[in-house]
């Protein structure tokens, strides 16, 4: 770690241009992968590896919930990234992230509890509201969190909680870390904003110009001596105390058991899954059903002689479950309230909220859907009948003909069986010479010059980017006459060009340049210093007025809540105003 040139770094960046620039700047052996944090597995992150000595990042500021196998608690992208970063940190290592103030100030503690199960908060520094105004065009309160992942579970000390604090006569929640260390708030704490009366702000006179950076450096310098020492040579491997070794064919997100322990498979290994004692017997039964369903489906698909035995075991396990707990799909209904929506054909409010049993968290297991499909459930009577899988095979290995006489049928068989079309496979299926294959297939296939002349089915080749394909075919025909037929076929499927009357521009359309939207703000709202930032990969637009105009603040605004620029930003991002 003391030699930057010898340090190996791995990163994730969703913007390909930024990733390419970064890869040119980092040392040899390091790399930045292009992709989304939810779908990228880094070399030192995953089952059987130690993790990283240091994890640094700017957490994505988005509120949507990633549908990822290692997100069983359905954390927002922001909080999911925080917890995943902590899991990527090797015991003994450090995590340093830039995050929203809500990580520390939020009333709900789900994210803090997960971070506290992995790390200790060494220090936090609250930045001024305008710290990101110059570069990102946004005014938000953010924190730098510095966390240490101890080598032993017993060294975890818990995270500080938010406490009520009076600010300018209004009671707001502020994390007790900042009440204990007010010098770590780089400015004066205040409340009030455009959206809400109790919006937190941190005021610093020179935040926009970076004047707070000296104070940040001084604060971190004071914090450093008391922080645990980073000793890569003395670090404990991540698998030593936090993971159990699991050799499982189950997908990520699945619950597994080892004696009295319950753990969930994630991209970082098997992590603890807490189950109340009252739900453990049911969870064990559900995991058994899941495993038996997999065994039955596998046996049916391969024609295994044990299929009937597995189906018998599944029937008995399902019967035991229903006898003890009731149907898998059962639920209770909370009575409707006076505010419930009334049905047109009823005399009053209808429905109510369905309350499903917790089942030890099994409803978040990927195998839940195969288990719940074991029965046909009647919502009205709360009764269930057995699904066909419990009485006979529903999945079989596909079979294909050994000989066909029709070219169209041959193409379908080859695509289903092999995934592509090759002359030798087509010749064998039709019982002809390989040299006669293309003539026999006729207009069912075309040689694709973009894929070294491989045979492509007409249904695919004559669709999609047919203008590009026509250009490729013309170039290929100059050196090989066989591509002349491609030109004729592609010319017949060329679409008509759109005219100006066929195009309706909308604010936020990806094909409209950011400069055009900025010019709209200049011309229509009188904002010559307005800025517009568009990140296509995130479908994100960020707009800033850059100054004052009456049209922005009053004429086209929805006062006192939203300025015209904010309304345009909502339109661009397809947000409800």
Protein backbone atom coordinates (compact mmCIF):
# COMPACT_ATOMS: atom_id res chain seq x y z
CA UNK A 1 0.00 0.00 0.00
CA UNK A 2 2.96 2.35 0.57
CA UNK A 3 3.98 2.14 -3.09
CA UNK A 4 1.20 3.57 -5.32
CA UNK A 5 2.76 2.05 -8.46
CA UNK A 6 2.54 -1.43 -6.90
CA UNK A 7 -1.05 -0.99 -5.71
CA UNK A 8 -3.65 -3.03 -7.58
CA UNK A 9 -6.97 -1.24 -7.98
CA UNK A 10 -10.29 -2.43 -9.37
CA UNK A 11 -13.25 -0.18 -10.08
CA UNK A 12 -16.75 -0.08 -11.51
CA UNK A 13 -17.95 2.79 -13.72
CA UNK A 14 -21.21 2.85 -15.64
CA UNK A 15 -20.04 5.53 -18.09
CA UNK A 16 -17.77 3.93 -20.75
CA UNK A 17 -15.92 7.19 -21.52
CA UNK A 18 -15.03 7.78 -17.86
CA UNK A 19 -13.98 4.14 -17.50
CA UNK A 20 -11.72 4.38 -20.58
CA UNK A 21 -10.05 7.54 -19.25
CA UNK A 22 -9.58 5.95 -15.84
CA UNK A 23 -8.02 2.82 -17.31
CA UNK A 24 -5.37 4.98 -18.99
CA UNK A 25 -4.50 6.68 -15.70
CA UNK A 26 -4.30 3.79 -13.25
CA UNK A 27 -1.22 1.54 -12.75
CA UNK A 28 -0.58 -1.58 -14.81
CA UNK A 29 -2.49 -4.55 -13.41
CA UNK A 30 -5.38 -2.39 -12.25
CA UNK A 31 -8.60 -1.97 -14.17
CA UNK A 32 -11.99 -0.29 -14.23
CA UNK A 33 -14.89 -2.45 -15.39
CA UNK A 34 -17.77 -0.90 -17.30
CA UNK A 35 -21.11 -1.85 -15.83
CA UNK A 36 -23.65 -1.56 -13.06
CA UNK A 37 -22.59 -2.27 -9.49
CA UNK A 38 -25.45 -4.76 -9.12
CA UNK A 39 -24.16 -6.98 -11.93
CA UNK A 40 -20.36 -6.72 -11.71
CA UNK A 41 -18.23 -9.18 -9.76
CA UNK A 42 -14.75 -7.84 -9.06
CA UNK A 43 -11.70 -10.14 -8.83
CA UNK A 44 -11.34 -9.86 -5.04
CA UNK A 45 -15.07 -9.84 -4.30
CA UNK A 46 -16.97 -13.07 -3.99
CA UNK A 47 -17.04 -16.42 -2.28
CA UNK A 48 -13.63 -17.78 -1.39
CA UNK A 49 -11.67 -14.51 -1.73
CA UNK A 50 -10.52 -12.07 0.90
CA UNK A 51 -11.94 -8.76 -0.28
CA UNK A 52 -10.24 -5.40 -0.65
CA UNK A 53 -7.91 -3.58 1.73
CA UNK A 54 -9.58 -0.28 0.88
CA UNK A 55 -12.95 0.45 -0.75
CA UNK A 56 -13.60 4.04 -1.85
CA UNK A 57 -16.61 5.37 -3.68
CA UNK A 58 -19.29 7.93 -4.34
CA UNK A 59 -22.51 6.04 -3.67
CA UNK A 60 -25.11 6.26 -6.48
CA UNK A 61 -27.78 8.79 -5.52
CA UNK A 62 -30.89 6.95 -6.68
CA UNK A 63 -33.90 5.66 -4.77
CA UNK A 64 -34.99 2.71 -6.92
CA UNK A 65 -34.67 -0.84 -5.57
CA UNK A 66 -32.20 -3.10 -7.47
CA UNK A 67 -33.62 -6.55 -8.20
CA UNK A 68 -30.37 -8.27 -7.24
CA UNK A 69 -29.91 -11.65 -5.61
CA UNK A 70 -27.75 -10.09 -2.86
CA UNK A 71 -30.46 -7.54 -1.99
CA UNK A 72 -33.02 -9.66 -0.13
CA UNK A 73 -34.04 -6.73 2.10
CA UNK A 74 -34.92 -4.62 -0.97
CA UNK A 75 -32.65 -1.74 -0.07
CA UNK A 76 -32.64 1.26 -2.39
CA UNK A 77 -29.73 1.45 -4.84
CA UNK A 78 -28.08 4.04 -2.59
CA UNK A 79 -28.20 1.84 0.52
CA UNK A 80 -27.55 -1.38 -1.42
CA UNK A 81 -24.30 0.10 -2.73
CA UNK A 82 -23.24 1.07 0.81
CA UNK A 83 -23.82 -2.40 2.22
CA UNK A 84 -22.22 -4.10 -0.79
CA UNK A 85 -19.15 -1.87 -0.40
CA UNK A 86 -18.87 -2.93 3.25
CA UNK A 87 -19.08 -6.60 2.23
CA UNK A 88 -16.33 -6.02 -0.33
CA UNK A 89 -14.00 -4.70 2.40
CA UNK A 90 -11.57 -7.23 3.79
CA UNK A 91 -11.57 -7.68 7.61
CA UNK A 92 -8.93 -5.26 8.85
CA UNK A 93 -9.54 -2.95 5.88
CA UNK A 94 -11.21 0.43 5.43
CA UNK A 95 -14.28 1.76 3.68
CA UNK A 96 -14.51 5.46 2.73
CA UNK A 97 -17.66 6.61 0.94
CA UNK A 98 -19.52 9.77 0.06
CA UNK A 99 -23.18 9.32 0.91
CA UNK A 100 -26.40 11.20 1.63
CA UNK A 101 -26.98 12.54 5.12
CA UNK A 102 -29.91 10.12 5.42
CA UNK A 103 -27.53 7.20 6.00
CA UNK A 104 -26.80 8.64 9.45
CA UNK A 105 -29.92 10.76 10.07
CA UNK A 106 -32.74 8.49 8.86
CA UNK A 107 -35.20 7.32 11.50
CA UNK A 108 -35.26 3.78 10.10
CA UNK A 109 -32.09 1.90 10.93
CA UNK A 110 -32.14 -0.99 8.42
CA UNK A 111 -29.07 0.19 6.49
CA UNK A 112 -27.16 1.29 9.59
CA UNK A 113 -27.85 -2.08 11.22
CA UNK A 114 -26.40 -3.93 8.23
CA UNK A 115 -23.35 -1.68 8.17
CA UNK A 116 -22.95 -2.10 11.94
CA UNK A 117 -22.92 -5.88 11.50
CA UNK A 118 -19.81 -5.51 9.33
CA UNK A 119 -17.98 -2.30 10.27
CA UNK A 120 -17.31 0.31 12.93
CA UNK A 121 -17.82 3.97 12.09
CA UNK A 122 -14.42 5.56 12.68
CA UNK A 123 -15.56 9.08 11.76
CA UNK A 124 -17.99 11.05 9.65
CA UNK A 125 -17.60 14.52 8.17
CA UNK A 126 -20.66 16.50 7.05
CA UNK A 127 -20.01 18.64 3.99
CA UNK A 128 -21.62 22.00 3.16
CA UNK A 129 -24.87 22.00 1.18
CA UNK A 130 -23.19 23.67 -1.80
CA UNK A 131 -20.13 21.41 -1.86
CA UNK A 132 -21.29 19.81 -5.13
CA UNK A 133 -23.03 22.83 -6.67
CA UNK A 134 -20.15 23.77 -8.97
CA UNK A 135 -19.47 20.31 -10.44
CA UNK A 136 -22.80 18.50 -10.15
CA UNK A 137 -25.21 21.41 -10.13
CA UNK A 138 -27.00 20.16 -7.02
CA UNK A 139 -27.43 21.41 -3.46
CA UNK A 140 -27.58 18.47 -1.03
CA UNK A 141 -26.14 17.61 2.36
CA UNK A 142 -23.66 14.75 2.10
CA UNK A 143 -21.35 12.94 4.50
CA UNK A 144 -17.97 11.33 4.14
CA UNK A 145 -18.06 8.08 6.12
CA UNK A 146 -14.83 6.38 7.19
CA UNK A 147 -15.45 2.83 8.37
CA UNK A 148 -13.16 0.06 9.60
CA UNK A 149 -14.02 -3.60 9.27
CA UNK A 150 -12.51 -5.35 12.30
CA UNK A 151 -10.96 -8.78 12.01
CA UNK A 152 -13.17 -10.22 14.76
CA UNK A 153 -16.92 -10.02 15.34
CA UNK A 154 -16.37 -9.13 18.97
CA UNK A 155 -14.70 -5.88 17.95
CA UNK A 156 -17.90 -4.44 16.44
CA UNK A 157 -19.15 -1.55 18.57
CA UNK A 158 -22.40 -0.48 16.88
CA UNK A 159 -23.23 2.67 14.96
CA UNK A 160 -24.44 6.00 16.41
CA UNK A 161 -28.12 6.85 16.13
CA UNK A 162 -30.01 10.02 15.20
CA UNK A 163 -31.22 12.17 18.08
CA UNK A 164 -33.63 15.15 18.16
CA UNK A 165 -31.85 18.50 17.92
CA UNK A 166 -33.31 22.02 17.97
CA UNK A 167 -32.14 24.03 14.96
CA UNK A 168 -33.56 27.53 14.40
CA UNK A 169 -36.57 26.65 16.55
CA UNK A 170 -37.37 23.44 14.61
CA UNK A 171 -36.71 19.95 16.02
CA UNK A 172 -34.92 17.71 13.51
CA UNK A 173 -33.04 14.42 13.65
CA UNK A 174 -29.25 14.71 13.58
CA UNK A 175 -26.93 11.78 14.16
CA UNK A 176 -25.37 11.76 17.61
CA UNK A 177 -21.94 11.47 16.01
CA UNK A 178 -22.23 15.13 15.02
CA UNK A 179 -23.66 16.25 18.35
CA UNK A 180 -20.62 14.62 19.98
CA UNK A 181 -18.22 16.04 17.35
CA UNK A 182 -19.66 19.38 16.13
CA UNK A 183 -16.29 20.24 14.55
CA UNK A 184 -16.98 17.55 11.96
CA UNK A 185 -19.83 19.61 10.50
CA UNK A 186 -18.07 21.88 7.99
CA UNK A 187 -20.32 24.89 8.39
CA UNK A 188 -23.32 26.08 10.31
CA UNK A 189 -26.26 23.70 10.64
CA UNK A 190 -29.51 25.29 9.46
CA UNK A 191 -32.99 24.28 8.30
CA UNK A 192 -35.36 25.47 5.59
CA UNK A 193 -35.43 24.96 1.84
CA UNK A 194 -37.48 25.08 -1.31
CA UNK A 195 -39.14 21.69 -0.82
CA UNK A 196 -39.61 21.28 2.94
CA UNK A 197 -39.47 23.57 5.91
CA UNK A 198 -37.22 21.21 7.88
CA UNK A 199 -34.73 20.48 5.07
CA UNK A 200 -31.28 20.24 6.61
CA UNK A 201 -28.61 22.60 5.31
CA UNK A 202 -24.97 23.17 6.16
CA UNK A 203 -23.97 26.75 5.40
CA UNK A 204 -20.40 27.62 4.47
CA UNK A 205 -19.52 31.02 2.98
CA UNK A 206 -17.15 29.72 0.29
CA UNK A 207 -18.51 26.21 -0.36
CA UNK A 208 -19.16 26.77 -4.07
CA UNK A 209 -15.56 27.76 -4.72
CA UNK A 210 -14.14 24.86 -2.69
CA UNK A 211 -13.26 26.98 0.33
CA UNK A 212 -14.31 24.19 2.68
CA UNK A 213 -11.54 21.86 1.44
CA UNK A 214 -8.94 23.27 3.85
CA UNK A 215 -11.32 22.63 6.75
CA UNK A 216 -11.94 19.09 5.44
CA UNK A 217 -8.20 18.38 5.27
CA UNK A 218 -7.68 19.69 8.79
CA UNK A 219 -10.58 17.62 10.15
CA UNK A 220 -9.33 14.39 8.57
CA UNK A 221 -5.84 15.11 9.85
CA UNK A 222 -7.21 15.33 13.40
CA UNK A 223 -9.16 12.09 12.98
CA UNK A 224 -6.35 9.96 11.50
CA UNK A 225 -4.16 9.37 14.61
CA UNK A 226 -7.02 7.72 16.53
CA UNK A 227 -8.09 5.42 13.69
CA UNK A 228 -7.14 1.70 13.76
CA UNK A 229 -3.93 1.00 11.87
CA UNK A 230 -4.26 -0.48 8.39
CA UNK A 231 -1.97 -3.52 8.34
CA UNK A 232 -2.53 -5.54 5.14
CA UNK A 233 -0.07 -8.21 6.26
CA UNK A 234 -1.99 -8.83 9.47
CA UNK A 235 -5.48 -8.92 8.04
CA UNK A 236 -7.77 -11.85 8.67
CA UNK A 237 -9.26 -13.52 5.57
CA UNK A 238 -12.88 -12.60 5.02
CA UNK A 239 -13.98 -16.22 5.02
CA UNK A 240 -12.51 -16.99 8.44
CA UNK A 241 -15.34 -15.79 10.68
CA UNK A 242 -18.02 -14.34 8.44
CA UNK A 243 -18.79 -17.04 5.91
CA UNK A 244 -19.45 -20.70 6.01
CA UNK A 245 -18.05 -22.72 3.14
CA UNK A 246 -20.99 -23.54 0.90
CA UNK A 247 -20.73 -25.74 -2.17
CA UNK A 248 -24.29 -25.28 -3.36
CA UNK A 249 -26.00 -25.40 -6.75
CA UNK A 250 -28.62 -22.96 -5.43
CA UNK A 251 -28.78 -19.48 -7.00
CA UNK A 252 -27.70 -16.32 -5.22
CA UNK A 253 -30.23 -15.13 -2.68
CA UNK A 254 -31.10 -18.68 -1.56
CA UNK A 255 -31.33 -19.55 2.13
CA UNK A 256 -29.14 -22.43 3.28
CA UNK A 257 -28.81 -24.14 6.64
CA UNK A 258 -25.88 -25.52 8.55
CA UNK A 259 -27.05 -27.05 11.80
CA UNK A 260 -28.90 -24.31 13.69
CA UNK A 261 -27.44 -21.55 11.49
CA UNK A 262 -29.27 -19.93 8.60
CA UNK A 263 -27.38 -18.09 5.93
CA UNK A 264 -28.20 -16.51 2.58
CA UNK A 265 -26.00 -16.96 -0.48
CA UNK A 266 -24.73 -13.63 -1.84
CA UNK A 267 -22.04 -12.57 -4.28
CA UNK A 268 -19.75 -12.10 -1.27
CA UNK A 269 -20.34 -15.57 0.13
CA UNK A 270 -22.90 -16.88 2.64
CA UNK A 271 -23.96 -14.19 5.10
CA UNK A 272 -25.97 -14.62 8.28
CA UNK A 273 -29.75 -14.80 7.91
CA UNK A 274 -31.51 -14.15 11.22
CA UNK A 275 -34.65 -16.21 11.82
CA UNK A 276 -36.94 -15.94 14.88
CA UNK A 277 -37.20 -19.21 16.79
CA UNK A 278 -40.94 -19.39 16.09
CA UNK A 279 -40.36 -19.46 12.33
CA UNK A 280 -37.44 -21.88 12.07
CA UNK A 281 -39.46 -25.10 11.74
CA UNK A 282 -41.52 -23.63 8.88
CA UNK A 283 -38.40 -22.29 7.15
CA UNK A 284 -36.79 -25.75 7.36
CA UNK A 285 -39.89 -27.28 5.76
CA UNK A 286 -39.93 -24.68 2.98
CA UNK A 287 -36.23 -25.21 2.20
CA UNK A 288 -36.91 -28.94 2.00
CA UNK A 289 -39.79 -28.34 -0.42
CA UNK A 290 -37.58 -26.11 -2.57
CA UNK A 291 -34.84 -28.73 -2.77
CA UNK A 292 -37.32 -31.50 -3.55
CA UNK A 293 -38.91 -29.41 -6.33
CA UNK A 294 -35.47 -28.95 -7.88
CA UNK A 295 -34.79 -32.69 -7.61
CA UNK A 296 -38.12 -33.58 -9.27
CA UNK A 297 -37.68 -31.10 -12.12
CA UNK A 298 -34.11 -32.25 -12.76
CA UNK A 299 -35.13 -35.91 -12.74
CA UNK A 300 -38.07 -35.26 -15.08
CA UNK A 301 -35.92 -33.29 -17.51
CA UNK A 302 -33.26 -35.98 -17.74
CA UNK A 303 -35.52 -39.02 -17.53
CA UNK A 304 -33.80 -40.15 -14.31
CA UNK A 305 -35.17 -43.41 -12.85
CA UNK A 306 -35.51 -41.79 -9.39
CA UNK A 307 -38.09 -39.24 -10.62
CA UNK A 308 -41.04 -41.13 -9.12
CA UNK A 309 -39.27 -41.53 -5.78
CA UNK A 310 -38.48 -37.80 -5.64
CA UNK A 311 -42.10 -36.98 -6.54
CA UNK A 312 -43.34 -39.22 -3.72
CA UNK A 313 -41.02 -37.49 -1.26
CA UNK A 314 -42.29 -34.10 -2.50
CA UNK A 315 -45.93 -35.13 -2.05
CA UNK A 316 -45.32 -36.29 1.50
CA UNK A 317 -43.37 -33.12 2.39
CA UNK A 318 -46.11 -30.93 0.92
CA UNK A 319 -48.78 -32.84 2.85
CA UNK A 320 -46.89 -32.41 6.13
CA UNK A 321 -46.51 -28.69 5.49
CA UNK A 322 -50.20 -28.10 4.69
CA UNK A 323 -51.30 -30.14 7.69
CA UNK A 324 -49.19 -28.05 10.08
CA UNK A 325 -49.27 -24.54 8.58
CA UNK A 326 -51.93 -24.47 5.88
CA UNK A 327 -51.67 -23.62 2.17
CA UNK A 328 -48.42 -22.08 0.92
CA UNK A 329 -50.24 -19.08 -0.55
CA UNK A 330 -52.40 -18.29 2.50
CA UNK A 331 -52.80 -14.73 3.71
CA UNK A 332 -54.77 -12.62 6.17
CA UNK A 333 -56.60 -9.46 5.20
CA UNK A 334 -56.46 -6.24 7.16
CA UNK A 335 -59.96 -4.70 7.24
CA UNK A 336 -60.48 -1.70 4.95
CA UNK A 337 -60.43 1.77 6.42
CA UNK A 338 -62.66 4.74 5.70
CA UNK A 339 -60.00 5.96 3.26
CA UNK A 340 -60.10 2.75 1.18
CA UNK A 341 -61.12 3.18 -2.45
CA UNK A 342 -64.77 2.25 -3.09
CA UNK A 343 -65.72 -0.08 -5.92
CA UNK A 344 -68.29 1.21 -8.45
CA UNK A 345 -70.61 -1.73 -7.72
CA UNK A 346 -70.35 -1.62 -3.93
CA UNK A 347 -71.93 0.45 -1.20
CA UNK A 348 -68.69 1.32 0.52
CA UNK A 349 -64.92 0.76 0.72
CA UNK A 350 -63.71 -2.61 -0.47
CA UNK A 351 -60.63 -4.70 -0.13
CA UNK A 352 -57.92 -4.27 2.44
CA UNK A 353 -54.25 -4.96 2.73
CA UNK A 354 -53.10 -8.55 2.40
CA UNK A 355 -50.82 -9.70 5.21
CA UNK A 356 -48.65 -12.67 4.25
CA UNK A 357 -46.90 -14.91 6.81
CA UNK A 358 -43.20 -14.15 7.32
CA UNK A 359 -42.03 -17.76 6.81
CA UNK A 360 -38.56 -16.94 8.11
CA UNK A 361 -37.90 -14.74 5.09
CA UNK A 362 -38.43 -17.54 2.56
CA UNK A 363 -40.69 -15.39 0.38
CA UNK A 364 -37.49 -13.56 -0.68
CA UNK A 365 -35.77 -16.82 -1.63
CA UNK A 366 -35.47 -17.34 -5.42
CA UNK A 367 -36.97 -20.79 -4.92
CA UNK A 368 -40.18 -19.38 -3.45
CA UNK A 369 -41.90 -19.17 -6.83
CA UNK A 370 -41.28 -22.82 -7.66
CA UNK A 371 -42.56 -23.83 -4.21
CA UNK A 372 -45.68 -21.66 -4.35
CA UNK A 373 -46.48 -23.22 -7.74
CA UNK A 374 -47.03 -26.58 -6.03
CA UNK A 375 -50.67 -25.66 -5.48
CA UNK A 376 -53.61 -23.94 -7.16
CA UNK A 377 -54.90 -21.47 -4.59
CA UNK A 378 -58.36 -19.89 -4.41
CA UNK A 379 -58.07 -16.40 -2.92
CA UNK A 380 -61.75 -16.26 -1.99
CA UNK A 381 -62.04 -19.57 -0.15
CA UNK A 382 -58.39 -19.77 1.05
CA UNK A 383 -58.23 -23.37 -0.17
CA UNK A 384 -55.60 -25.09 -2.31
CA UNK A 385 -55.41 -28.08 -4.61
CA UNK A 386 -52.27 -29.85 -5.79
CA UNK A 387 -50.60 -28.63 -8.99
CA UNK A 388 -49.78 -31.06 -11.85
CA UNK A 389 -46.10 -31.38 -10.81
CA UNK A 390 -47.17 -33.44 -7.80
CA UNK A 391 -48.90 -36.03 -9.98
CA UNK A 392 -46.64 -36.34 -13.02
CA UNK A 393 -43.86 -34.86 -15.14
CA UNK A 394 -44.30 -31.32 -16.43
CA UNK A 395 -40.77 -30.83 -17.78
CA UNK A 396 -39.23 -33.07 -20.37
CA UNK A 397 -36.11 -32.94 -22.50
CA UNK A 398 -36.93 -31.62 -25.95
CA UNK A 399 -36.67 -34.07 -28.83
CA UNK A 400 -36.00 -33.16 -32.46
CA UNK A 401 -36.54 -34.99 -35.76
CA UNK A 402 -33.61 -36.76 -37.37
CA UNK A 403 -34.74 -35.84 -40.89
CA UNK A 404 -36.77 -33.03 -42.48
CA UNK A 405 -37.71 -32.33 -46.08
CA UNK A 406 -38.77 -28.69 -45.70
CA UNK A 407 -36.13 -25.88 -45.55
CA UNK A 408 -38.26 -23.68 -43.25
CA UNK A 409 -38.71 -26.57 -40.81
CA UNK A 410 -34.99 -27.33 -40.98
CA UNK A 411 -34.14 -23.75 -39.97
CA UNK A 412 -36.48 -23.92 -36.98
CA UNK A 413 -35.12 -27.28 -35.86
CA UNK A 414 -31.48 -26.17 -36.14
CA UNK A 415 -32.09 -22.94 -34.22
CA UNK A 416 -33.96 -24.76 -31.44
CA UNK A 417 -31.49 -27.63 -31.23
CA UNK A 418 -28.13 -25.96 -31.93
CA UNK A 419 -28.76 -22.24 -31.62
CA UNK A 420 -27.32 -21.56 -35.09
CA UNK A 421 -27.31 -22.83 -38.67
CA UNK A 422 -24.26 -24.53 -40.17
CA UNK A 423 -23.98 -26.16 -43.62
CA UNK A 424 -22.90 -29.53 -42.26
CA UNK A 425 -25.75 -29.70 -39.69
CA UNK A 426 -28.31 -28.65 -42.31
CA UNK A 427 -26.97 -31.20 -44.81
CA UNK A 428 -27.14 -33.99 -42.23
CA UNK A 429 -30.71 -33.05 -41.30
CA UNK A 430 -31.88 -32.89 -44.92
CA UNK A 431 -29.83 -35.87 -46.13
CA UNK A 432 -28.06 -33.91 -48.88
CA UNK A 433 -24.49 -32.98 -49.80
CA UNK A 434 -22.94 -30.04 -47.94
CA UNK A 435 -22.23 -28.36 -51.30
CA UNK A 436 -25.98 -28.28 -52.02
CA UNK A 437 -27.02 -26.90 -48.61
CA UNK A 438 -27.38 -23.19 -49.45
CA UNK A 439 -29.30 -23.86 -52.65
CA UNK A 440 -31.67 -26.15 -50.77
CA UNK A 441 -32.25 -23.66 -47.90
CA UNK A 442 -32.90 -20.92 -50.47
CA UNK A 443 -34.41 -17.69 -49.16
CA UNK A 444 -34.72 -19.10 -45.64
CA UNK A 445 -31.11 -18.07 -44.91
CA UNK A 446 -28.55 -15.45 -45.93
CA UNK A 447 -24.80 -15.23 -45.50
CA UNK A 448 -24.09 -12.42 -43.00
CA UNK A 449 -20.95 -10.43 -43.96
CA UNK A 450 -20.87 -8.89 -40.50
CA UNK A 451 -20.26 -12.36 -39.04
CA UNK A 452 -17.71 -13.75 -41.48
CA UNK A 453 -20.36 -15.13 -43.82
CA UNK A 454 -22.13 -17.28 -41.23
CA UNK A 455 -25.64 -18.39 -42.20
CA UNK A 456 -28.38 -16.27 -40.62
CA UNK A 457 -32.12 -17.00 -40.75
CA UNK A 458 -34.02 -14.59 -43.00
CA UNK A 459 -36.37 -13.65 -40.14
CA UNK A 460 -33.39 -12.17 -38.29
CA UNK A 461 -31.20 -10.97 -41.13
CA UNK A 462 -33.97 -8.98 -42.87
CA UNK A 463 -34.98 -7.10 -39.72
CA UNK A 464 -33.27 -4.68 -37.35
CA UNK A 465 -30.65 -2.26 -38.70
CA UNK A 466 -31.40 -3.08 -42.32
CA UNK A 467 -29.80 0.14 -43.65
CA UNK A 468 -26.48 -0.83 -42.08
CA UNK A 469 -26.87 -4.39 -43.33
CA UNK A 470 -27.49 -3.14 -46.86
CA UNK A 471 -24.30 -1.10 -46.77
CA UNK A 472 -22.37 -4.14 -45.51
CA UNK A 473 -23.87 -6.33 -48.23
CA UNK A 474 -22.89 -3.89 -50.99
CA UNK A 475 -19.32 -3.80 -49.72
CA UNK A 476 -19.18 -7.60 -49.46
CA UNK A 477 -20.66 -8.04 -52.98
CA UNK A 478 -17.71 -6.17 -54.45
CA UNK A 479 -15.50 -9.12 -53.55
CA UNK A 480 -18.02 -12.00 -53.50
CA UNK A 481 -20.93 -12.28 -55.96
CA UNK A 482 -22.87 -14.48 -53.54
CA UNK A 483 -23.87 -11.38 -51.57
CA UNK A 484 -25.82 -9.92 -54.55
CA UNK A 485 -28.94 -11.74 -53.35
CA UNK A 486 -28.56 -10.05 -49.95
CA UNK A 487 -28.74 -6.64 -51.66
CA UNK A 488 -31.98 -7.47 -53.47
CA UNK A 489 -33.63 -8.84 -50.33
CA UNK A 490 -32.51 -5.94 -48.12
CA UNK A 491 -33.59 -3.28 -50.60
CA UNK A 492 -37.09 -4.75 -50.49
CA UNK A 493 -37.37 -4.24 -46.70
CA UNK A 494 -35.90 -0.73 -46.40
CA UNK A 495 -38.22 1.51 -44.34
CA UNK A 496 -39.30 4.96 -45.52
CA UNK A 497 -37.32 7.88 -44.13
CA UNK A 498 -39.00 9.91 -41.42
CA UNK A 499 -39.83 13.52 -42.17
CA UNK A 500 -39.85 16.44 -39.75
CA UNK A 501 -43.62 16.06 -39.42
CA UNK A 502 -43.18 12.49 -38.19
CA UNK A 503 -40.99 13.51 -35.25
CA UNK A 504 -42.34 14.96 -32.00
CA UNK A 505 -39.54 16.32 -29.79
CA UNK A 506 -40.13 15.90 -26.07
CA UNK A 507 -38.14 17.28 -23.17
CA UNK A 508 -35.86 14.47 -21.98
CA UNK A 509 -35.71 12.62 -25.31
CA UNK A 510 -32.31 10.95 -25.51
CA UNK A 511 -31.67 12.17 -29.06
CA UNK A 512 -32.01 15.85 -28.12
CA UNK A 513 -28.56 17.28 -27.22
CA UNK A 514 -28.11 18.80 -23.78
CA UNK A 515 -26.99 22.06 -25.43
CA UNK A 516 -30.39 22.37 -27.14
CA UNK A 517 -32.20 21.99 -23.83
CA UNK A 518 -29.86 24.56 -22.29
CA UNK A 519 -30.61 26.99 -25.13
CA UNK A 520 -34.30 26.52 -24.37
CA UNK A 521 -33.67 27.68 -20.79
CA UNK A 522 -31.69 30.65 -22.08
CA UNK A 523 -34.28 31.73 -24.66
CA UNK A 524 -37.50 31.03 -22.80
CA UNK A 525 -36.52 31.69 -19.18
CA UNK A 526 -33.79 34.29 -19.59
CA UNK A 527 -31.08 32.23 -17.86
CA UNK A 528 -27.81 32.84 -19.75
CA UNK A 529 -25.76 30.92 -17.16
CA UNK A 530 -27.99 27.84 -17.01
CA UNK A 531 -26.32 24.43 -17.16
CA UNK A 532 -27.67 21.09 -18.37
CA UNK A 533 -25.90 17.77 -17.73
CA UNK A 534 -27.15 14.58 -19.40
CA UNK A 535 -25.86 11.09 -18.52
CA UNK A 536 -27.42 8.78 -21.16
CA UNK A 537 -26.36 5.56 -19.42
CA UNK A 538 -28.38 6.56 -16.36
CA UNK A 539 -31.14 8.35 -18.32
CA UNK A 540 -30.42 11.24 -15.96
CA UNK A 541 -30.78 14.99 -16.55
CA UNK A 542 -29.49 17.60 -14.09
CA UNK A 543 -30.46 21.24 -14.66
CA UNK A 544 -29.27 24.36 -12.84
CA UNK A 545 -30.59 27.89 -13.32
CA UNK A 546 -27.16 29.44 -12.72
CA UNK A 547 -28.79 32.72 -11.73
CA UNK A 548 -32.06 34.59 -11.26
CA UNK A 549 -34.85 35.38 -13.67
CA UNK A 550 -38.44 36.40 -13.00
CA UNK A 551 -39.71 33.92 -15.59
CA UNK A 552 -37.98 31.08 -13.73
CA UNK A 553 -38.96 32.13 -10.22
CA UNK A 554 -42.48 33.45 -10.82
CA UNK A 555 -43.95 33.51 -14.36
CA UNK A 556 -43.63 29.79 -15.12
CA UNK A 557 -43.04 28.53 -11.57
CA UNK A 558 -45.44 26.64 -9.36
CA UNK A 559 -44.80 28.76 -6.31
CA UNK A 560 -43.68 28.37 -3.65
CA UNK A 561 -42.59 24.80 -4.28
CA UNK A 562 -41.06 24.47 -7.75
CA UNK A 563 -39.23 26.82 -10.11
CA UNK A 564 -39.56 26.55 -13.87
CA UNK A 565 -36.11 24.93 -14.16
CA UNK A 566 -37.11 22.30 -11.60
CA UNK A 567 -40.29 21.60 -13.55
CA UNK A 568 -38.27 21.14 -16.75
CA UNK A 569 -35.88 18.81 -14.91
CA UNK A 570 -38.87 16.76 -13.70
CA UNK A 571 -40.13 16.49 -17.28
CA UNK A 572 -36.70 15.45 -18.57
CA UNK A 573 -36.42 12.73 -15.91
CA UNK A 574 -40.09 11.71 -16.23
CA UNK A 575 -40.69 12.49 -12.57
CA UNK A 576 -44.04 13.43 -11.11
CA UNK A 577 -44.07 17.12 -10.17
